[in-house]
Amino acid sequence: MSSTTAQPQGTPAPDSGPGFDLLTWLEINRRLVVGVVLVVSVVLAVLAVVRSQQRATRAAAAKELLQIIPPVGPGEAQKAPDVAKLLALSGQFPATAAGQQARLLAAGQLFVSGKYAEAQSEFSRFEEQNPNSEFVGVALIGIAAALEAQGKDADAVKAYDRAILGGGDGFAVQARLAKARLLESTSPAVALGLIDEGLKNAAASVVGEQAATARTRLVQKHPELATSASTNAPSLAPAGASGSR
């Protein structure tokens, strides 16, 4: 009786060597091999379907957004979008870029229409649903601007701080300028520090030009700041901080 025993079905292939027979191993383990191939095939097929559905969903959302806000030609005025349709689109396609843009556009239109509390609510909802979006800075500034428009300056300052810290570099500069505007009368030195930080990060841009204009205006109102160490002013100082006199 031979001392060599057959390899049990389903065991891994032994290391190749002089006595290794791949065809024999495949024959013994054919059920395992077929099962693995079948599982991989099913997974890949499902993944292909999912990706196809995602592409179709994104395309459908983009198509609907274009129907709500159709492109206009040169010299043509863009009609105000239907807020209800934008919010419905966002609710139907929340995970798509078009759906996310629809909610921001709806919030912006509410703001333009003077519905500041509703705009704040929609900007906040965007932030909650898309905290990692590249457009979250828009929502953060929108929240702050809506609070400011409602006369809630103290809350607006805190909201602009959030935009400075979490909105990304481009949005942070805009948030600094907006916060500086709120602090011009109560904390001019802090406001100047915010403007100077904005100039450092966006000197050669439209926002940088706005910052330069704001700085000139602030120094004209407060000449004593012209020689102050304004760049050392803390950018996130509370609204009640006293300015240099």
C-alpha atoms as a PDB file:
ATOM      1  CA  MET A   1       0.000   0.000   0.000  1.00  0.00           C
ATOM      2  CA  SER A   2       1.401   3.360  -1.035  1.00  0.00           C
ATOM      3  CA  SER A   3       2.226   5.794   1.731  1.00  0.00           C
ATOM      4  CA  THR A   4       1.186   8.735  -0.481  1.00  0.00           C
ATOM      5  CA  THR A   5      -2.325   9.966   0.380  1.00  0.00           C
ATOM      6  CA  ALA A   6      -4.566  11.992  -1.871  1.00  0.00           C
ATOM      7  CA  GLN A   7      -4.833  15.673  -1.052  1.00  0.00           C
ATOM      8  CA  PRO A   8      -8.256  16.467   0.461  1.00  0.00           C
ATOM      9  CA  GLN A   9     -10.632  18.398  -1.731  1.00  0.00           C
ATOM     10  CA  GLY A  10     -10.647  22.153  -1.150  1.00  0.00           C
ATOM     11  CA  THR A  11      -7.141  22.486   0.264  1.00  0.00           C
ATOM     12  CA  PRO A  12      -4.677  25.102  -1.011  1.00  0.00           C
ATOM     13  CA  ALA A  13      -2.259  24.134  -3.732  1.00  0.00           C
ATOM     14  CA  PRO A  14       1.100  22.957  -2.402  1.00  0.00           C
ATOM     15  CA  ASP A  15       4.253  24.768  -3.363  1.00  0.00           C
ATOM     16  CA  SER A  16       5.321  23.848  -6.864  1.00  0.00           C
ATOM     17  CA  GLY A  17       8.136  21.379  -6.957  1.00  0.00           C
ATOM     18  CA  PRO A  18       9.303  18.244  -8.702  1.00  0.00           C
ATOM     19  CA  GLY A  19       6.229  16.324  -7.557  1.00  0.00           C
ATOM     20  CA  PHE A  20       3.647  19.061  -8.054  1.00  0.00           C
ATOM     21  CA  ASP A  21       1.009  18.472 -10.756  1.00  0.00           C
ATOM     22  CA  LEU A  22      -1.106  21.596 -11.378  1.00  0.00           C
ATOM     23  CA  LEU A  23      -3.670  19.753 -13.499  1.00  0.00           C
ATOM     24  CA  THR A  24      -4.189  17.184 -10.763  1.00  0.00           C
ATOM     25  CA  TRP A  25      -4.606  19.916  -8.142  1.00  0.00           C
ATOM     26  CA  LEU A  26      -7.146  21.750 -10.318  1.00  0.00           C
ATOM     27  CA  GLU A  27      -9.105  18.544 -10.850  1.00  0.00           C
ATOM     28  CA  ILE A  28      -9.228  17.809  -7.120  1.00  0.00           C
ATOM     29  CA  ASN A  29     -10.169  21.381  -6.246  1.00  0.00           C
ATOM     30  CA  ARG A  30     -12.370  22.194  -9.236  1.00  0.00           C
ATOM     31  CA  ARG A  31     -15.420  22.985  -7.077  1.00  0.00           C
ATOM     32  CA  LEU A  32     -13.447  25.492  -5.048  1.00  0.00           C
ATOM     33  CA  VAL A  33     -11.990  27.080  -8.180  1.00  0.00           C
ATOM     34  CA  VAL A  34     -15.357  27.271  -9.911  1.00  0.00           C
ATOM     35  CA  GLY A  35     -16.954  28.760  -6.786  1.00  0.00           C
ATOM     36  CA  VAL A  36     -14.343  31.468  -6.466  1.00  0.00           C
ATOM     37  CA  VAL A  37     -14.614  32.367 -10.147  1.00  0.00           C
ATOM     38  CA  LEU A  38     -18.391  32.476  -9.865  1.00  0.00           C
ATOM     39  CA  VAL A  39     -18.313  34.778  -6.833  1.00  0.00           C
ATOM     40  CA  VAL A  40     -15.844  37.150  -8.483  1.00  0.00           C
ATOM     41  CA  SER A  41     -17.941  37.209 -11.652  1.00  0.00           C
ATOM     42  CA  VAL A  42     -21.089  38.027  -9.717  1.00  0.00           C
ATOM     43  CA  VAL A  43     -19.369  40.795  -7.731  1.00  0.00           C
ATOM     44  CA  LEU A  44     -17.968  42.384 -10.890  1.00  0.00           C
ATOM     45  CA  ALA A  45     -21.329  42.142 -12.628  1.00  0.00           C
ATOM     46  CA  VAL A  46     -23.114  43.796  -9.708  1.00  0.00           C
ATOM     47  CA  LEU A  47     -20.437  46.505  -9.534  1.00  0.00           C
ATOM     48  CA  ALA A  48     -20.902  47.221 -13.238  1.00  0.00           C
ATOM     49  CA  VAL A  49     -24.652  47.558 -12.735  1.00  0.00           C
ATOM     50  CA  VAL A  50     -24.182  49.855  -9.731  1.00  0.00           C
ATOM     51  CA  ARG A  51     -21.792  52.098 -11.627  1.00  0.00           C
ATOM     52  CA  SER A  52     -24.141  52.200 -14.586  1.00  0.00           C
ATOM     53  CA  GLN A  53     -27.011  53.165 -12.300  1.00  0.00           C
ATOM     54  CA  GLN A  54     -24.890  55.860 -10.658  1.00  0.00           C
ATOM     55  CA  ARG A  55     -23.994  57.327 -14.052  1.00  0.00           C
ATOM     56  CA  ALA A  56     -27.643  57.243 -15.085  1.00  0.00           C
ATOM     57  CA  THR A  57     -28.677  58.916 -11.826  1.00  0.00           C
ATOM     58  CA  ARG A  58     -26.088  61.666 -12.217  1.00  0.00           C
ATOM     59  CA  ALA A  59     -27.157  62.222 -15.823  1.00  0.00           C
ATOM     60  CA  ALA A  60     -30.836  62.383 -14.873  1.00  0.00           C
ATOM     61  CA  ALA A  61     -30.148  64.855 -12.070  1.00  0.00           C
ATOM     62  CA  ALA A  62     -28.052  67.081 -14.337  1.00  0.00           C
ATOM     63  CA  LYS A  63     -30.740  67.000 -17.022  1.00  0.00           C
ATOM     64  CA  GLU A  64     -33.442  68.049 -14.562  1.00  0.00           C
ATOM     65  CA  LEU A  65     -31.260  70.842 -13.191  1.00  0.00           C
ATOM     66  CA  LEU A  66     -30.791  72.215 -16.705  1.00  0.00           C
ATOM     67  CA  GLN A  67     -34.554  72.158 -17.183  1.00  0.00           C
ATOM     68  CA  ILE A  68     -35.030  74.197 -14.004  1.00  0.00           C
ATOM     69  CA  ILE A  69     -32.194  76.595 -14.822  1.00  0.00           C
ATOM     70  CA  PRO A  70     -31.712  76.521 -18.599  1.00  0.00           C
ATOM     71  CA  PRO A  71     -28.604  78.154 -20.043  1.00  0.00           C
ATOM     72  CA  VAL A  72     -29.087  81.664 -21.429  1.00  0.00           C
ATOM     73  CA  GLY A  73     -27.509  83.342 -24.385  1.00  0.00           C
ATOM     74  CA  PRO A  74     -25.380  86.508 -24.440  1.00  0.00           C
ATOM     75  CA  GLY A  75     -27.299  89.497 -23.136  1.00  0.00           C
ATOM     76  CA  GLU A  76     -30.170  87.378 -21.838  1.00  0.00           C
ATOM     77  CA  ALA A  77     -31.203  87.634 -18.211  1.00  0.00           C
ATOM     78  CA  GLN A  78     -31.424  84.441 -16.169  1.00  0.00           C
ATOM     79  CA  LYS A  79     -34.899  83.951 -14.782  1.00  0.00           C
ATOM     80  CA  ALA A  80     -35.234  83.350 -11.076  1.00  0.00           C
ATOM     81  CA  PRO A  81     -35.287  79.580 -10.504  1.00  0.00           C
ATOM     82  CA  ASP A  82     -38.233  77.820  -8.917  1.00  0.00           C
ATOM     83  CA  VAL A  83     -37.120  77.140  -5.345  1.00  0.00           C
ATOM     84  CA  ALA A  84     -39.649  74.348  -4.827  1.00  0.00           C
ATOM     85  CA  LYS A  85     -38.406  72.512  -7.925  1.00  0.00           C
ATOM     86  CA  LEU A  86     -34.775  72.923  -6.861  1.00  0.00           C
ATOM     87  CA  LEU A  87     -35.477  71.520  -3.405  1.00  0.00           C
ATOM     88  CA  ALA A  88     -37.465  68.638  -4.905  1.00  0.00           C
ATOM     89  CA  LEU A  89     -34.540  67.823  -7.203  1.00  0.00           C
ATOM     90  CA  SER A  90     -32.130  67.937  -4.279  1.00  0.00           C
ATOM     91  CA  GLY A  91     -34.337  65.617  -2.279  1.00  0.00           C
ATOM     92  CA  GLN A  92     -34.620  63.164  -5.166  1.00  0.00           C
ATOM     93  CA  PHE A  93     -30.897  63.121  -6.009  1.00  0.00           C
ATOM     94  CA  PRO A  94     -29.117  64.102  -2.766  1.00  0.00           C
ATOM     95  CA  ALA A  95     -25.885  62.233  -3.539  1.00  0.00           C
ATOM     96  CA  THR A  96     -25.307  63.813  -6.961  1.00  0.00           C
ATOM     97  CA  ALA A  97     -23.450  67.011  -7.752  1.00  0.00           C
ATOM     98  CA  ALA A  98     -26.560  68.395  -9.456  1.00  0.00           C
ATOM     99  CA  GLY A  99     -28.679  67.623  -6.412  1.00  0.00           C
ATOM    100  CA  GLN A 100     -26.212  69.343  -4.101  1.00  0.00           C
ATOM    101  CA  GLN A 101     -25.962  72.367  -6.383  1.00  0.00           C
ATOM    102  CA  ALA A 102     -29.755  72.533  -6.510  1.00  0.00           C
ATOM    103  CA  ARG A 103     -29.984  72.954  -2.731  1.00  0.00           C
ATOM    104  CA  LEU A 104     -27.333  75.685  -2.730  1.00  0.00           C
ATOM    105  CA  LEU A 105     -29.111  77.464  -5.586  1.00  0.00           C
ATOM    106  CA  ALA A 106     -32.412  77.192  -3.740  1.00  0.00           C
ATOM    107  CA  ALA A 107     -30.841  78.627  -0.583  1.00  0.00           C
ATOM    108  CA  GLY A 108     -29.289  81.449  -2.591  1.00  0.00           C
ATOM    109  CA  GLN A 109     -32.591  82.292  -4.237  1.00  0.00           C
ATOM    110  CA  LEU A 110     -34.331  82.330  -0.865  1.00  0.00           C
ATOM    111  CA  PHE A 111     -31.662  84.765   0.354  1.00  0.00           C
ATOM    112  CA  VAL A 112     -32.109  87.019  -2.683  1.00  0.00           C
ATOM    113  CA  SER A 113     -35.864  86.971  -2.086  1.00  0.00           C
ATOM    114  CA  GLY A 114     -35.363  88.222   1.463  1.00  0.00           C
ATOM    115  CA  LYS A 115     -36.324  84.931   3.104  1.00  0.00           C
ATOM    116  CA  TYR A 116     -33.216  84.885   5.259  1.00  0.00           C
ATOM    117  CA  ALA A 117     -34.342  82.398   7.908  1.00  0.00           C
ATOM    118  CA  GLU A 118     -35.385  79.902   5.220  1.00  0.00           C
ATOM    119  CA  ALA A 119     -32.116  80.453   3.386  1.00  0.00           C
ATOM    120  CA  GLN A 120     -30.190  79.807   6.595  1.00  0.00           C
ATOM    121  CA  SER A 121     -32.120  76.567   7.087  1.00  0.00           C
ATOM    122  CA  GLU A 122     -31.278  75.294   3.602  1.00  0.00           C
ATOM    123  CA  PHE A 123     -27.616  76.274   3.859  1.00  0.00           C
ATOM    124  CA  SER A 124     -27.472  74.450   7.203  1.00  0.00           C
ATOM    125  CA  ARG A 125     -29.113  71.389   5.705  1.00  0.00           C
ATOM    126  CA  PHE A 126     -26.521  71.342   2.928  1.00  0.00           C
ATOM    127  CA  GLU A 127     -23.721  71.442   5.495  1.00  0.00           C
ATOM    128  CA  GLU A 128     -25.297  68.599   7.486  1.00  0.00           C
ATOM    129  CA  GLN A 129     -25.772  66.410   4.419  1.00  0.00           C
ATOM    130  CA  ASN A 130     -22.479  67.235   2.669  1.00  0.00           C
ATOM    131  CA  PRO A 131     -19.844  68.053   5.307  1.00  0.00           C
ATOM    132  CA  ASN A 132     -16.991  67.019   2.993  1.00  0.00           C
ATOM    133  CA  SER A 133     -18.262  68.734  -0.144  1.00  0.00           C
ATOM    134  CA  GLU A 134     -15.980  71.133  -1.960  1.00  0.00           C
ATOM    135  CA  PHE A 135     -18.867  73.604  -1.762  1.00  0.00           C
ATOM    136  CA  VAL A 136     -19.355  73.438   2.005  1.00  0.00           C
ATOM    137  CA  GLY A 137     -17.624  76.817   2.254  1.00  0.00           C
ATOM    138  CA  VAL A 138     -20.489  78.340   0.273  1.00  0.00           C
ATOM    139  CA  ALA A 139     -22.959  76.922   2.781  1.00  0.00           C
ATOM    140  CA  LEU A 140     -20.946  78.149   5.774  1.00  0.00           C
ATOM    141  CA  ILE A 141     -20.743  81.685   4.400  1.00  0.00           C
ATOM    142  CA  GLY A 142     -24.418  81.488   3.456  1.00  0.00           C
ATOM    143  CA  ILE A 143     -25.343  80.617   7.039  1.00  0.00           C
ATOM    144  CA  ALA A 144     -23.330  83.555   8.366  1.00  0.00           C
ATOM    145  CA  ALA A 145     -24.710  85.982   5.791  1.00  0.00           C
ATOM    146  CA  ALA A 146     -28.284  84.889   6.555  1.00  0.00           C
ATOM    147  CA  LEU A 147     -27.687  85.486  10.261  1.00  0.00           C
ATOM    148  CA  GLU A 148     -26.189  88.893   9.517  1.00  0.00           C
ATOM    149  CA  ALA A 149     -29.174  89.789   7.309  1.00  0.00           C
ATOM    150  CA  GLN A 150     -31.473  88.924  10.209  1.00  0.00           C
ATOM    151  CA  GLY A 151     -29.577  91.363  12.430  1.00  0.00           C
ATOM    152  CA  LYS A 152     -27.968  88.620  14.499  1.00  0.00           C
ATOM    153  CA  ASP A 153     -24.470  90.067  14.294  1.00  0.00           C
ATOM    154  CA  ALA A 154     -22.969  88.180  17.248  1.00  0.00           C
ATOM    155  CA  ASP A 155     -24.130  84.848  15.838  1.00  0.00           C
ATOM    156  CA  ALA A 156     -22.974  85.908  12.380  1.00  0.00           C
ATOM    157  CA  VAL A 157     -19.446  86.599  13.672  1.00  0.00           C
ATOM    158  CA  LYS A 158     -19.286  83.099  15.138  1.00  0.00           C
ATOM    159  CA  ALA A 159     -20.611  81.650  11.890  1.00  0.00           C
ATOM    160  CA  TYR A 160     -17.985  83.530   9.874  1.00  0.00           C
ATOM    161  CA  ASP A 161     -15.368  82.042  12.222  1.00  0.00           C
ATOM    162  CA  ARG A 162     -16.623  78.591  11.247  1.00  0.00           C
ATOM    163  CA  ALA A 163     -16.285  79.516   7.575  1.00  0.00           C
ATOM    164  CA  ILE A 164     -12.748  80.791   8.181  1.00  0.00           C
ATOM    165  CA  LEU A 165     -11.736  77.535   9.856  1.00  0.00           C
ATOM    166  CA  GLY A 166     -13.681  75.031   7.754  1.00  0.00           C
ATOM    167  CA  GLY A 167     -14.529  76.616   4.438  1.00  0.00           C
ATOM    168  CA  GLY A 168     -11.224  76.199   2.615  1.00  0.00           C
ATOM    169  CA  ASP A 169      -8.741  78.881   1.631  1.00  0.00           C
ATOM    170  CA  GLY A 170     -10.844  80.679  -0.997  1.00  0.00           C
ATOM    171  CA  PHE A 171     -13.957  80.885   1.148  1.00  0.00           C
ATOM    172  CA  ALA A 172     -11.940  81.690   4.271  1.00  0.00           C
ATOM    173  CA  VAL A 173     -10.710  84.948   2.727  1.00  0.00           C
ATOM    174  CA  GLN A 174     -14.268  86.015   1.935  1.00  0.00           C
ATOM    175  CA  ALA A 175     -15.375  85.084   5.435  1.00  0.00           C
ATOM    176  CA  ARG A 176     -12.562  87.172   6.949  1.00  0.00           C
ATOM    177  CA  LEU A 177     -13.639  90.213   4.962  1.00  0.00           C
ATOM    178  CA  ALA A 178     -17.268  89.747   5.952  1.00  0.00           C
ATOM    179  CA  LYS A 179     -16.329  89.377   9.622  1.00  0.00           C
ATOM    180  CA  ALA A 180     -14.091  92.453   9.378  1.00  0.00           C
ATOM    181  CA  ARG A 181     -17.015  94.466   8.076  1.00  0.00           C
ATOM    182  CA  LEU A 182     -19.052  93.505  11.153  1.00  0.00           C
ATOM    183  CA  LEU A 183     -16.206  94.474  13.502  1.00  0.00           C
ATOM    184  CA  GLU A 184     -15.231  97.792  11.897  1.00  0.00           C
ATOM    185  CA  SER A 185     -17.037  99.924  14.462  1.00  0.00           C
ATOM    186  CA  THR A 186     -16.520  97.833  17.609  1.00  0.00           C
ATOM    187  CA  SER A 187     -13.054  96.346  17.031  1.00  0.00           C
ATOM    188  CA  PRO A 188     -11.309  98.178  14.185  1.00  0.00           C
ATOM    189  CA  ALA A 189      -7.867  96.757  14.975  1.00  0.00           C
ATOM    190  CA  VAL A 190      -9.200  93.222  14.820  1.00  0.00           C
ATOM    191  CA  ALA A 191     -10.998  94.066  11.594  1.00  0.00           C
ATOM    192  CA  LEU A 192      -7.766  95.383  10.087  1.00  0.00           C
ATOM    193  CA  GLY A 193      -5.956  92.200  11.096  1.00  0.00           C
ATOM    194  CA  LEU A 194      -8.589  90.129   9.314  1.00  0.00           C
ATOM    195  CA  ILE A 195      -8.286  92.243   6.185  1.00  0.00           C
ATOM    196  CA  ASP A 196      -4.493  91.977   6.189  1.00  0.00           C
ATOM    197  CA  GLU A 197      -4.701  88.194   6.499  1.00  0.00           C
ATOM    198  CA  GLY A 198      -7.025  88.205   3.522  1.00  0.00           C
ATOM    199  CA  LEU A 199      -4.527  90.247   1.540  1.00  0.00           C
ATOM    200  CA  LYS A 200      -1.781  87.740   2.321  1.00  0.00           C
ATOM    201  CA  ASN A 201      -3.810  84.860   0.905  1.00  0.00           C
ATOM    202  CA  ALA A 202      -5.555  86.523  -2.026  1.00  0.00           C
ATOM    203  CA  ALA A 203      -3.552  89.589  -3.002  1.00  0.00           C
ATOM    204  CA  ALA A 204      -3.657  88.976  -6.755  1.00  0.00           C
ATOM    205  CA  SER A 205      -7.368  88.259  -7.121  1.00  0.00           C
ATOM    206  CA  VAL A 206     -10.760  89.924  -7.182  1.00  0.00           C
ATOM    207  CA  VAL A 207     -11.170  89.149  -3.482  1.00  0.00           C
ATOM    208  CA  GLY A 208      -7.739  90.663  -2.892  1.00  0.00           C
ATOM    209  CA  GLU A 209      -8.876  93.869  -4.583  1.00  0.00           C
ATOM    210  CA  GLN A 210     -11.929  93.914  -2.316  1.00  0.00           C
ATOM    211  CA  ALA A 211      -9.661  93.454   0.687  1.00  0.00           C
ATOM    212  CA  ALA A 212      -7.415  96.329  -0.420  1.00  0.00           C
ATOM    213  CA  THR A 213     -10.441  98.597  -0.849  1.00  0.00           C
ATOM    214  CA  ALA A 214     -11.779  97.598   2.561  1.00  0.00           C
ATOM    215  CA  ARG A 215      -8.391  98.295   4.163  1.00  0.00           C
ATOM    216  CA  THR A 216      -8.190 101.754   2.635  1.00  0.00           C
ATOM    217  CA  ARG A 217     -11.699 102.594   3.803  1.00  0.00           C
ATOM    218  CA  LEU A 218     -11.049 101.307   7.342  1.00  0.00           C
ATOM    219  CA  VAL A 219      -7.784 103.231   7.755  1.00  0.00           C
ATOM    220  CA  GLN A 220      -9.478 106.395   6.536  1.00  0.00           C
ATOM    221  CA  LYS A 221     -12.088 105.971   9.265  1.00  0.00           C
ATOM    222  CA  HIS A 222      -9.441 105.113  11.872  1.00  0.00           C
ATOM    223  CA  PRO A 223      -6.178 106.916  10.975  1.00  0.00           C
ATOM    224  CA  GLU A 224      -4.548 105.686  14.181  1.00  0.00           C
ATOM    225  CA  LEU A 225      -4.479 102.203  12.627  1.00  0.00           C
ATOM    226  CA  ALA A 226      -2.170 103.292   9.820  1.00  0.00           C
ATOM    227  CA  THR A 227       0.897 102.812  12.014  1.00  0.00           C
ATOM    228  CA  SER A 228      -0.435 100.030  14.241  1.00  0.00           C
ATOM    229  CA  ALA A 229       0.827  96.473  14.151  1.00  0.00           C
ATOM    230  CA  SER A 230      -2.467  95.397  12.639  1.00  0.00           C
ATOM    231  CA  THR A 231      -1.197  92.128  11.277  1.00  0.00           C
ATOM    232  CA  ASN A 232      -0.656  90.929  14.835  1.00  0.00           C
ATOM    233  CA  ALA A 233      -4.335  91.306  15.700  1.00  0.00           C
ATOM    234  CA  PRO A 234      -5.942  87.913  16.385  1.00  0.00           C
ATOM    235  CA  SER A 235      -8.191  86.956  13.480  1.00  0.00           C
ATOM    236  CA  LEU A 236     -10.626  84.967  15.613  1.00  0.00           C
ATOM    237  CA  ALA A 237     -10.986  87.430  18.464  1.00  0.00           C
ATOM    238  CA  PRO A 238     -14.477  87.691  19.936  1.00  0.00           C
ATOM    239  CA  ALA A 239     -16.792  90.406  18.699  1.00  0.00           C
ATOM    240  CA  GLY A 240     -16.485  92.342  21.941  1.00  0.00           C
ATOM    241  CA  ALA A 241     -12.694  92.770  21.792  1.00  0.00           C
ATOM    242  CA  SER A 242     -11.619  96.370  22.059  1.00  0.00           C
ATOM    243  CA  GLY A 243      -9.748  97.987  19.192  1.00  0.00           C
ATOM    244  CA  SER A 244      -6.536  99.977  19.259  1.00  0.00           C
ATOM    245  CA  ARG A 245      -6.984 103.616  20.143  1.00  0.00           C
END
